[in-house]
């Protein structure tokens, strides 16, 4: 079955769109490469329409939501790129293993540099202050971002007993609803638009808990609830979800938080690190 080309579908249906829908369509058709890396808020601001208008445009195109919309745009772009790459391969122009390795290395380095460039000392200080005051720190994520949340918990549990990671989205929601002003919820989400993350953030805000977002976009449904926002670099194609370069940016921020928290709580951290390390010494023989 032939894959749907959303860009062609938009062109075909253009005359049937409302005035507002045409604003979205015009931008998407002119800048599809940019759209796949934009949050829904970024796109709505670029088109000078409301977020709800972008949602309605997605519905008009018979899509479930914005994430599926970006996926379809990406597929449309890849259909063209794949045909071009196929021609290159048939002509002997394929990349060698060494060249592929260098591209991956460059992508990883770029992700770290971009994350470092986006680092806000003000937002970092806010995050560390919230961590200092919190009685409990919860790291939440969905899908690939959950892996980063688990790694963050693994890192911090060596020096403090107040970190937790809940993997089930329903239990994340229940924990957020039961939180209070002494709790901190750290939500890791590349897009900042995942429904489960937004639901948890809303519940945590209503409960009075602190919220930190580790995400790619400064403006998104998630950051609207956050007390502090840490931005990770690396643009991620919707067809390349869970890329290592994206995780590297997130883990870079986690490592900064870990080292700064360790320094500011050195006596306790050294003590707890000694105990936690000793607990697994026999297992490493």
C-alpha atoms as a PDB file:
ATOM      1  CA  UNK A   1       0.000   0.000   0.000  1.00  0.00           C
ATOM      2  CA  UNK A   2       1.388   3.406  -0.978  1.00  0.00           C
ATOM      3  CA  UNK A   3       2.373   5.674   1.911  1.00  0.00           C
ATOM      4  CA  UNK A   4       0.286   8.827   2.422  1.00  0.00           C
ATOM      5  CA  UNK A   5       1.941  12.058   1.292  1.00  0.00           C
ATOM      6  CA  UNK A   6       0.449  14.662   3.616  1.00  0.00           C
ATOM      7  CA  UNK A   7       2.003  17.619   1.819  1.00  0.00           C
ATOM      8  CA  UNK A   8       0.291  16.617  -1.415  1.00  0.00           C
ATOM      9  CA  UNK A   9      -2.976  16.085   0.480  1.00  0.00           C
ATOM     10  CA  UNK A  10      -2.727  19.617   1.902  1.00  0.00           C
ATOM     11  CA  UNK A  11      -2.157  21.036  -1.569  1.00  0.00           C
ATOM     12  CA  UNK A  12      -5.121  19.093  -2.941  1.00  0.00           C
ATOM     13  CA  UNK A  13      -7.488  20.223  -0.182  1.00  0.00           C
ATOM     14  CA  UNK A  14      -6.246  23.822  -0.010  1.00  0.00           C
ATOM     15  CA  UNK A  15      -9.326  25.415  -1.631  1.00  0.00           C
ATOM     16  CA  UNK A  16     -11.564  23.817   1.001  1.00  0.00           C
ATOM     17  CA  UNK A  17      -9.713  25.285   3.984  1.00  0.00           C
ATOM     18  CA  UNK A  18     -10.951  28.164   6.114  1.00  0.00           C
ATOM     19  CA  UNK A  19      -8.989  31.422   6.191  1.00  0.00           C
ATOM     20  CA  UNK A  20      -7.227  30.368   9.416  1.00  0.00           C
ATOM     21  CA  UNK A  21      -6.476  26.870   8.095  1.00  0.00           C
ATOM     22  CA  UNK A  22      -4.901  28.405   4.990  1.00  0.00           C
ATOM     23  CA  UNK A  23      -2.463  30.321   7.228  1.00  0.00           C
ATOM     24  CA  UNK A  24      -1.296  27.022   8.725  1.00  0.00           C
ATOM     25  CA  UNK A  25      -1.235  25.287   5.346  1.00  0.00           C
ATOM     26  CA  UNK A  26       0.814  28.093   3.758  1.00  0.00           C
ATOM     27  CA  UNK A  27       3.512  27.879   6.425  1.00  0.00           C
ATOM     28  CA  UNK A  28       3.628  24.062   6.381  1.00  0.00           C
ATOM     29  CA  UNK A  29       3.931  23.885   2.610  1.00  0.00           C
ATOM     30  CA  UNK A  30       6.623  26.563   2.549  1.00  0.00           C
ATOM     31  CA  UNK A  31       8.662  25.340   5.551  1.00  0.00           C
ATOM     32  CA  UNK A  32       8.035  21.575   6.036  1.00  0.00           C
ATOM     33  CA  UNK A  33      11.624  20.969   7.177  1.00  0.00           C
ATOM     34  CA  UNK A  34      11.150  23.473  10.014  1.00  0.00           C
ATOM     35  CA  UNK A  35       7.718  22.187  11.029  1.00  0.00           C
ATOM     36  CA  UNK A  36       8.940  18.718  12.012  1.00  0.00           C
ATOM     37  CA  UNK A  37      11.170  20.308  14.675  1.00  0.00           C
ATOM     38  CA  UNK A  38       8.605  22.810  16.001  1.00  0.00           C
ATOM     39  CA  UNK A  39       6.337  22.530  19.014  1.00  0.00           C
ATOM     40  CA  UNK A  40       2.650  23.244  18.490  1.00  0.00           C
ATOM     41  CA  UNK A  41       3.152  26.612  20.178  1.00  0.00           C
ATOM     42  CA  UNK A  42       6.065  27.430  17.854  1.00  0.00           C
ATOM     43  CA  UNK A  43       3.923  26.655  14.806  1.00  0.00           C
ATOM     44  CA  UNK A  44       0.882  28.565  16.051  1.00  0.00           C
ATOM     45  CA  UNK A  45       3.029  31.649  16.737  1.00  0.00           C
ATOM     46  CA  UNK A  46       4.706  31.398  13.329  1.00  0.00           C
ATOM     47  CA  UNK A  47       1.275  31.223  11.654  1.00  0.00           C
ATOM     48  CA  UNK A  48      -0.170  33.890  13.988  1.00  0.00           C
ATOM     49  CA  UNK A  49      -3.039  31.638  15.046  1.00  0.00           C
ATOM     50  CA  UNK A  50      -4.073  29.950  18.313  1.00  0.00           C
ATOM     51  CA  UNK A  51      -2.848  26.498  19.372  1.00  0.00           C
ATOM     52  CA  UNK A  52      -6.453  25.318  19.044  1.00  0.00           C
ATOM     53  CA  UNK A  53      -6.446  26.361  15.369  1.00  0.00           C
ATOM     54  CA  UNK A  54      -3.472  24.101  14.694  1.00  0.00           C
ATOM     55  CA  UNK A  55      -5.312  21.263  16.446  1.00  0.00           C
ATOM     56  CA  UNK A  56      -8.362  21.871  14.258  1.00  0.00           C
ATOM     57  CA  UNK A  57      -6.175  21.865  11.146  1.00  0.00           C
ATOM     58  CA  UNK A  58      -4.834  18.448  12.193  1.00  0.00           C
ATOM     59  CA  UNK A  59      -8.411  17.217  12.610  1.00  0.00           C
ATOM     60  CA  UNK A  60      -9.342  18.619   9.216  1.00  0.00           C
ATOM     61  CA  UNK A  61      -6.548  16.490   7.741  1.00  0.00           C
ATOM     62  CA  UNK A  62      -8.077  13.493   9.582  1.00  0.00           C
ATOM     63  CA  UNK A  63      -5.193  13.150  11.997  1.00  0.00           C
ATOM     64  CA  UNK A  64      -5.447  12.367  15.724  1.00  0.00           C
ATOM     65  CA  UNK A  65      -3.261  15.245  16.849  1.00  0.00           C
ATOM     66  CA  UNK A  66      -0.166  17.363  16.367  1.00  0.00           C
ATOM     67  CA  UNK A  67       2.364  14.575  16.921  1.00  0.00           C
ATOM     68  CA  UNK A  68       0.786  12.449  14.193  1.00  0.00           C
ATOM     69  CA  UNK A  69       0.712  15.549  11.986  1.00  0.00           C
ATOM     70  CA  UNK A  70       4.482  16.055  12.403  1.00  0.00           C
ATOM     71  CA  UNK A  71       5.023  12.355  11.761  1.00  0.00           C
ATOM     72  CA  UNK A  72       3.101  12.554   8.480  1.00  0.00           C
ATOM     73  CA  UNK A  73       4.996  15.683   7.380  1.00  0.00           C
ATOM     74  CA  UNK A  74       8.262  13.898   8.138  1.00  0.00           C
ATOM     75  CA  UNK A  75       7.150  10.841   6.157  1.00  0.00           C
ATOM     76  CA  UNK A  76       6.341  13.062   3.200  1.00  0.00           C
ATOM     77  CA  UNK A  77       9.823  14.594   3.317  1.00  0.00           C
ATOM     78  CA  UNK A  78      11.474  11.200   3.713  1.00  0.00           C
ATOM     79  CA  UNK A  79       9.646   9.825   0.691  1.00  0.00           C
ATOM     80  CA  UNK A  80      11.504  12.364  -1.439  1.00  0.00           C
ATOM     81  CA  UNK A  81      14.803  11.952   0.404  1.00  0.00           C
ATOM     82  CA  UNK A  82      14.689   8.160   0.213  1.00  0.00           C
ATOM     83  CA  UNK A  83      14.276   8.230  -3.550  1.00  0.00           C
ATOM     84  CA  UNK A  84      17.281  10.558  -3.827  1.00  0.00           C
ATOM     85  CA  UNK A  85      19.388   8.371  -1.521  1.00  0.00           C
ATOM     86  CA  UNK A  86      18.418   5.280  -3.476  1.00  0.00           C
ATOM     87  CA  UNK A  87      19.723   6.903  -6.642  1.00  0.00           C
ATOM     88  CA  UNK A  88      22.999   7.735  -4.871  1.00  0.00           C
ATOM     89  CA  UNK A  89      23.413   4.164  -3.596  1.00  0.00           C
ATOM     90  CA  UNK A  90      22.769   2.740  -7.034  1.00  0.00           C
ATOM     91  CA  UNK A  91      25.453   5.073  -8.298  1.00  0.00           C
ATOM     92  CA  UNK A  92      27.907   3.900  -5.630  1.00  0.00           C
ATOM     93  CA  UNK A  93      27.555   6.994  -3.457  1.00  0.00           C
ATOM     94  CA  UNK A  94      26.660   5.247  -0.171  1.00  0.00           C
ATOM     95  CA  UNK A  95      28.459   6.264   3.020  1.00  0.00           C
ATOM     96  CA  UNK A  96      31.120   3.954   4.451  1.00  0.00           C
ATOM     97  CA  UNK A  97      31.022   2.665   8.034  1.00  0.00           C
ATOM     98  CA  UNK A  98      33.714   5.174   8.982  1.00  0.00           C
ATOM     99  CA  UNK A  99      31.760   8.042   7.460  1.00  0.00           C
ATOM    100  CA  UNK A 100      28.587   6.953   9.255  1.00  0.00           C
ATOM    101  CA  UNK A 101      30.486   6.766  12.550  1.00  0.00           C
ATOM    102  CA  UNK A 102      31.814  10.287  12.054  1.00  0.00           C
ATOM    103  CA  UNK A 103      28.330  11.630  11.322  1.00  0.00           C
ATOM    104  CA  UNK A 104      26.990  10.044  14.509  1.00  0.00           C
ATOM    105  CA  UNK A 105      29.907  11.468  16.489  1.00  0.00           C
ATOM    106  CA  UNK A 106      29.315  14.930  15.028  1.00  0.00           C
ATOM    107  CA  UNK A 107      25.609  14.702  15.871  1.00  0.00           C
ATOM    108  CA  UNK A 108      26.402  13.731  19.475  1.00  0.00           C
ATOM    109  CA  UNK A 109      28.926  16.532  19.909  1.00  0.00           C
ATOM    110  CA  UNK A 110      26.497  19.041  18.403  1.00  0.00           C
ATOM    111  CA  UNK A 111      23.744  17.939  20.834  1.00  0.00           C
ATOM    112  CA  UNK A 112      26.040  18.567  23.810  1.00  0.00           C
ATOM    113  CA  UNK A 113      27.214  21.932  22.491  1.00  0.00           C
ATOM    114  CA  UNK A 114      23.668  23.090  21.777  1.00  0.00           C
ATOM    115  CA  UNK A 115      22.474  22.004  25.222  1.00  0.00           C
ATOM    116  CA  UNK A 116      25.363  23.843  26.844  1.00  0.00           C
ATOM    117  CA  UNK A 117      24.592  26.963  24.786  1.00  0.00           C
ATOM    118  CA  UNK A 118      20.919  26.809  25.846  1.00  0.00           C
ATOM    119  CA  UNK A 119      21.790  26.402  29.528  1.00  0.00           C
ATOM    120  CA  UNK A 120      20.303  29.193  31.634  1.00  0.00           C
ATOM    121  CA  UNK A 121      22.061  29.831  34.933  1.00  0.00           C
ATOM    122  CA  UNK A 122      18.854  31.360  36.289  1.00  0.00           C
ATOM    123  CA  UNK A 123      16.775  28.279  35.434  1.00  0.00           C
ATOM    124  CA  UNK A 124      19.508  25.985  36.750  1.00  0.00           C
ATOM    125  CA  UNK A 125      19.567  27.836  40.079  1.00  0.00           C
ATOM    126  CA  UNK A 126      15.777  27.656  40.310  1.00  0.00           C
ATOM    127  CA  UNK A 127      15.909  23.914  39.713  1.00  0.00           C
ATOM    128  CA  UNK A 128      18.624  23.343  42.309  1.00  0.00           C
ATOM    129  CA  UNK A 129      16.742  25.463  44.873  1.00  0.00           C
ATOM    130  CA  UNK A 130      13.599  23.401  44.283  1.00  0.00           C
ATOM    131  CA  UNK A 131      15.613  20.204  44.696  1.00  0.00           C
ATOM    132  CA  UNK A 132      17.191  21.466  47.897  1.00  0.00           C
ATOM    133  CA  UNK A 133      13.822  22.294  49.477  1.00  0.00           C
ATOM    134  CA  UNK A 134      11.988  19.178  48.316  1.00  0.00           C
ATOM    135  CA  UNK A 135      11.267  16.270  50.629  1.00  0.00           C
ATOM    136  CA  UNK A 136      10.649  14.030  47.616  1.00  0.00           C
ATOM    137  CA  UNK A 137      11.894  14.348  44.036  1.00  0.00           C
ATOM    138  CA  UNK A 138      10.047  12.392  41.342  1.00  0.00           C
ATOM    139  CA  UNK A 139      11.536  11.861  37.883  1.00  0.00           C
ATOM    140  CA  UNK A 140       8.812  11.190  35.321  1.00  0.00           C
ATOM    141  CA  UNK A 141       8.916  10.471  31.596  1.00  0.00           C
ATOM    142  CA  UNK A 142       7.012   8.592  28.921  1.00  0.00           C
ATOM    143  CA  UNK A 143       8.507   6.254  26.306  1.00  0.00           C
ATOM    144  CA  UNK A 144      12.143   7.045  25.547  1.00  0.00           C
ATOM    145  CA  UNK A 145      12.178   9.949  28.006  1.00  0.00           C
ATOM    146  CA  UNK A 146      11.367   7.450  30.762  1.00  0.00           C
ATOM    147  CA  UNK A 147      14.813   5.920  30.196  1.00  0.00           C
ATOM    148  CA  UNK A 148      16.377   9.289  30.997  1.00  0.00           C
ATOM    149  CA  UNK A 149      14.158   9.604  34.084  1.00  0.00           C
ATOM    150  CA  UNK A 150      15.311   6.171  35.261  1.00  0.00           C
ATOM    151  CA  UNK A 151      18.957   7.065  34.672  1.00  0.00           C
ATOM    152  CA  UNK A 152      18.504  10.308  36.624  1.00  0.00           C
ATOM    153  CA  UNK A 153      17.025   8.348  39.538  1.00  0.00           C
ATOM    154  CA  UNK A 154      19.861   5.825  39.378  1.00  0.00           C
ATOM    155  CA  UNK A 155      22.354   8.689  39.525  1.00  0.00           C
ATOM    156  CA  UNK A 156      20.783  10.558  42.426  1.00  0.00           C
ATOM    157  CA  UNK A 157      19.822   7.579  44.576  1.00  0.00           C
ATOM    158  CA  UNK A 158      23.517   7.099  45.319  1.00  0.00           C
ATOM    159  CA  UNK A 159      23.636  10.372  47.258  1.00  0.00           C
ATOM    160  CA  UNK A 160      20.086  11.020  48.510  1.00  0.00           C
ATOM    161  CA  UNK A 161      17.146   8.942  49.624  1.00  0.00           C
ATOM    162  CA  UNK A 162      14.487  11.367  48.410  1.00  0.00           C
ATOM    163  CA  UNK A 163      14.489  10.467  44.694  1.00  0.00           C
ATOM    164  CA  UNK A 164      11.839   8.259  43.073  1.00  0.00           C
ATOM    165  CA  UNK A 165      10.940   7.132  39.571  1.00  0.00           C
ATOM    166  CA  UNK A 166       7.455   5.831  38.754  1.00  0.00           C
ATOM    167  CA  UNK A 167       7.204   4.170  35.358  1.00  0.00           C
ATOM    168  CA  UNK A 168       3.460   3.618  34.932  1.00  0.00           C
ATOM    169  CA  UNK A 169       1.601   6.699  33.567  1.00  0.00           C
ATOM    170  CA  UNK A 170      -1.472   6.032  35.725  1.00  0.00           C
ATOM    171  CA  UNK A 171       0.624   5.768  38.874  1.00  0.00           C
ATOM    172  CA  UNK A 172       2.509   8.914  37.861  1.00  0.00           C
ATOM    173  CA  UNK A 173      -0.835  10.708  37.720  1.00  0.00           C
ATOM    174  CA  UNK A 174      -1.894   9.373  41.125  1.00  0.00           C
ATOM    175  CA  UNK A 175       1.432  10.384  42.693  1.00  0.00           C
ATOM    176  CA  UNK A 176       1.167  13.871  41.197  1.00  0.00           C
ATOM    177  CA  UNK A 177      -2.378  14.253  42.534  1.00  0.00           C
ATOM    178  CA  UNK A 178      -1.225  13.194  46.023  1.00  0.00           C
ATOM    179  CA  UNK A 179       1.802  15.510  46.015  1.00  0.00           C
ATOM    180  CA  UNK A 180       2.091  18.693  48.070  1.00  0.00           C
ATOM    181  CA  UNK A 181       4.273  21.780  48.359  1.00  0.00           C
ATOM    182  CA  UNK A 182       7.186  19.716  49.739  1.00  0.00           C
ATOM    183  CA  UNK A 183       7.388  17.586  46.574  1.00  0.00           C
ATOM    184  CA  UNK A 184       9.162  18.251  43.275  1.00  0.00           C
ATOM    185  CA  UNK A 185       8.122  16.664  39.984  1.00  0.00           C
ATOM    186  CA  UNK A 186      10.801  16.614  37.261  1.00  0.00           C
ATOM    187  CA  UNK A 187       9.161  15.827  33.913  1.00  0.00           C
ATOM    188  CA  UNK A 188      11.389  14.856  30.994  1.00  0.00           C
ATOM    189  CA  UNK A 189       9.798  15.289  27.570  1.00  0.00           C
ATOM    190  CA  UNK A 190      11.390  16.150  24.238  1.00  0.00           C
ATOM    191  CA  UNK A 191       8.260  17.677  22.696  1.00  0.00           C
ATOM    192  CA  UNK A 192       6.638  19.018  25.858  1.00  0.00           C
ATOM    193  CA  UNK A 193       3.318  17.996  24.310  1.00  0.00           C
ATOM    194  CA  UNK A 194       2.840  14.357  25.388  1.00  0.00           C
ATOM    195  CA  UNK A 195      -0.655  14.007  26.854  1.00  0.00           C
ATOM    196  CA  UNK A 196       0.387  11.934  29.874  1.00  0.00           C
ATOM    197  CA  UNK A 197       3.082  14.467  30.780  1.00  0.00           C
ATOM    198  CA  UNK A 198       0.642  17.366  30.494  1.00  0.00           C
ATOM    199  CA  UNK A 199      -1.904  15.549  32.653  1.00  0.00           C
ATOM    200  CA  UNK A 200       0.705  14.889  35.352  1.00  0.00           C
ATOM    201  CA  UNK A 201       1.899  18.510  35.250  1.00  0.00           C
ATOM    202  CA  UNK A 202      -1.649  19.799  35.614  1.00  0.00           C
ATOM    203  CA  UNK A 203      -2.334  17.533  38.595  1.00  0.00           C
ATOM    204  CA  UNK A 204       0.978  18.437  40.243  1.00  0.00           C
ATOM    205  CA  UNK A 205       0.310  22.158  39.792  1.00  0.00           C
ATOM    206  CA  UNK A 206      -3.150  21.830  41.314  1.00  0.00           C
ATOM    207  CA  UNK A 207      -1.621  19.915  44.249  1.00  0.00           C
ATOM    208  CA  UNK A 208       0.900  22.700  44.852  1.00  0.00           C
ATOM    209  CA  UNK A 209       4.031  20.702  43.995  1.00  0.00           C
ATOM    210  CA  UNK A 210       7.072  22.195  42.292  1.00  0.00           C
ATOM    211  CA  UNK A 211       7.549  21.310  38.619  1.00  0.00           C
ATOM    212  CA  UNK A 212      10.722  21.242  36.522  1.00  0.00           C
ATOM    213  CA  UNK A 213      10.604  20.504  32.788  1.00  0.00           C
ATOM    214  CA  UNK A 214      13.564  19.089  30.869  1.00  0.00           C
ATOM    215  CA  UNK A 215      12.513  19.606  27.264  1.00  0.00           C
ATOM    216  CA  UNK A 216      13.484  20.898  23.828  1.00  0.00           C
ATOM    217  CA  UNK A 217      11.103  23.828  23.453  1.00  0.00           C
ATOM    218  CA  UNK A 218      10.851  26.903  25.671  1.00  0.00           C
ATOM    219  CA  UNK A 219       7.154  27.277  24.834  1.00  0.00           C
ATOM    220  CA  UNK A 220       4.957  24.195  24.963  1.00  0.00           C
ATOM    221  CA  UNK A 221       1.914  22.906  26.884  1.00  0.00           C
ATOM    222  CA  UNK A 222       4.315  21.403  29.459  1.00  0.00           C
ATOM    223  CA  UNK A 223       6.404  24.512  30.112  1.00  0.00           C
ATOM    224  CA  UNK A 224       3.218  26.470  30.830  1.00  0.00           C
ATOM    225  CA  UNK A 225       3.017  24.533  34.122  1.00  0.00           C
ATOM    226  CA  UNK A 226       6.734  24.516  34.973  1.00  0.00           C
ATOM    227  CA  UNK A 227       8.431  26.533  37.711  1.00  0.00           C
ATOM    228  CA  UNK A 228      11.782  25.998  35.964  1.00  0.00           C
ATOM    229  CA  UNK A 229      12.697  24.863  32.457  1.00  0.00           C
ATOM    230  CA  UNK A 230      15.964  23.279  31.321  1.00  0.00           C
ATOM    231  CA  UNK A 231      16.367  23.063  27.546  1.00  0.00           C
ATOM    232  CA  UNK A 232      18.168  20.201  25.841  1.00  0.00           C
ATOM    233  CA  UNK A 233      19.713  20.613  22.394  1.00  0.00           C
ATOM    234  CA  UNK A 234      19.422  18.404  19.298  1.00  0.00           C
ATOM    235  CA  UNK A 235      16.543  18.531  16.849  1.00  0.00           C
ATOM    236  CA  UNK A 236      14.771  15.203  16.527  1.00  0.00           C
ATOM    237  CA  UNK A 237      12.953  14.066  13.413  1.00  0.00           C
ATOM    238  CA  UNK A 238       9.587  12.435  14.317  1.00  0.00           C
ATOM    239  CA  UNK A 239      10.766   9.333  12.443  1.00  0.00           C
ATOM    240  CA  UNK A 240      13.922   9.272  14.552  1.00  0.00           C
ATOM    241  CA  UNK A 241      12.251   9.253  17.967  1.00  0.00           C
ATOM    242  CA  UNK A 242      14.477   8.225  20.841  1.00  0.00           C
ATOM    243  CA  UNK A 243      17.691   9.238  19.104  1.00  0.00           C
ATOM    244  CA  UNK A 244      20.867   8.956  21.140  1.00  0.00           C
ATOM    245  CA  UNK A 245      21.804  12.583  20.513  1.00  0.00           C
ATOM    246  CA  UNK A 246      18.558  13.698  22.161  1.00  0.00           C
ATOM    247  CA  UNK A 247      19.238  11.492  25.178  1.00  0.00           C
ATOM    248  CA  UNK A 248      22.790  12.839  25.410  1.00  0.00           C
ATOM    249  CA  UNK A 249      21.451  16.378  25.750  1.00  0.00           C
ATOM    250  CA  UNK A 250      19.046  15.299  28.490  1.00  0.00           C
ATOM    251  CA  UNK A 251      21.688  13.270  30.333  1.00  0.00           C
ATOM    252  CA  UNK A 252      24.117  16.185  30.121  1.00  0.00           C
ATOM    253  CA  UNK A 253      21.598  18.284  32.085  1.00  0.00           C
ATOM    254  CA  UNK A 254      21.049  15.458  34.572  1.00  0.00           C
ATOM    255  CA  UNK A 255      24.799  15.203  35.156  1.00  0.00           C
ATOM    256  CA  UNK A 256      25.087  18.957  35.750  1.00  0.00           C
ATOM    257  CA  UNK A 257      22.267  18.802  38.298  1.00  0.00           C
ATOM    258  CA  UNK A 258      23.891  15.806  39.983  1.00  0.00           C
ATOM    259  CA  UNK A 259      27.301  17.432  40.336  1.00  0.00           C
ATOM    260  CA  UNK A 260      25.915  20.747  41.565  1.00  0.00           C
ATOM    261  CA  UNK A 261      23.603  19.039  44.066  1.00  0.00           C
ATOM    262  CA  UNK A 262      26.531  16.911  45.273  1.00  0.00           C
ATOM    263  CA  UNK A 263      28.695  20.012  45.858  1.00  0.00           C
ATOM    264  CA  UNK A 264      25.953  21.825  47.746  1.00  0.00           C
ATOM    265  CA  UNK A 265      25.272  18.829  49.981  1.00  0.00           C
ATOM    266  CA  UNK A 266      28.786  17.419  50.115  1.00  0.00           C
ATOM    267  CA  UNK A 267      28.812  15.985  53.652  1.00  0.00           C
ATOM    268  CA  UNK A 268      25.525  14.121  53.186  1.00  0.00           C
ATOM    269  CA  UNK A 269      26.381  13.112  49.608  1.00  0.00           C
ATOM    270  CA  UNK A 270      29.769  11.638  50.516  1.00  0.00           C
ATOM    271  CA  UNK A 271      28.211   9.713  53.404  1.00  0.00           C
ATOM    272  CA  UNK A 272      25.354   8.320  51.313  1.00  0.00           C
ATOM    273  CA  UNK A 273      27.615   7.551  48.380  1.00  0.00           C
ATOM    274  CA  UNK A 274      29.854   5.495  50.648  1.00  0.00           C
ATOM    275  CA  UNK A 275      26.866   3.532  51.981  1.00  0.00           C
ATOM    276  CA  UNK A 276      25.235   2.925  48.591  1.00  0.00           C
ATOM    277  CA  UNK A 277      28.535   1.885  47.003  1.00  0.00           C
ATOM    278  CA  UNK A 278      29.242  -0.495  49.855  1.00  0.00           C
ATOM    279  CA  UNK A 279      25.838  -2.130  49.427  1.00  0.00           C
ATOM    280  CA  UNK A 280      26.804  -3.524  46.012  1.00  0.00           C
ATOM    281  CA  UNK A 281      30.526  -4.147  46.527  1.00  0.00           C
ATOM    282  CA  UNK A 282      30.097  -7.905  47.013  1.00  0.00           C
ATOM    283  CA  UNK A 283      28.088  -8.146  43.812  1.00  0.00           C
ATOM    284  CA  UNK A 284      30.947  -6.680  41.773  1.00  0.00           C
ATOM    285  CA  UNK A 285      33.474  -9.392  42.703  1.00  0.00           C
END
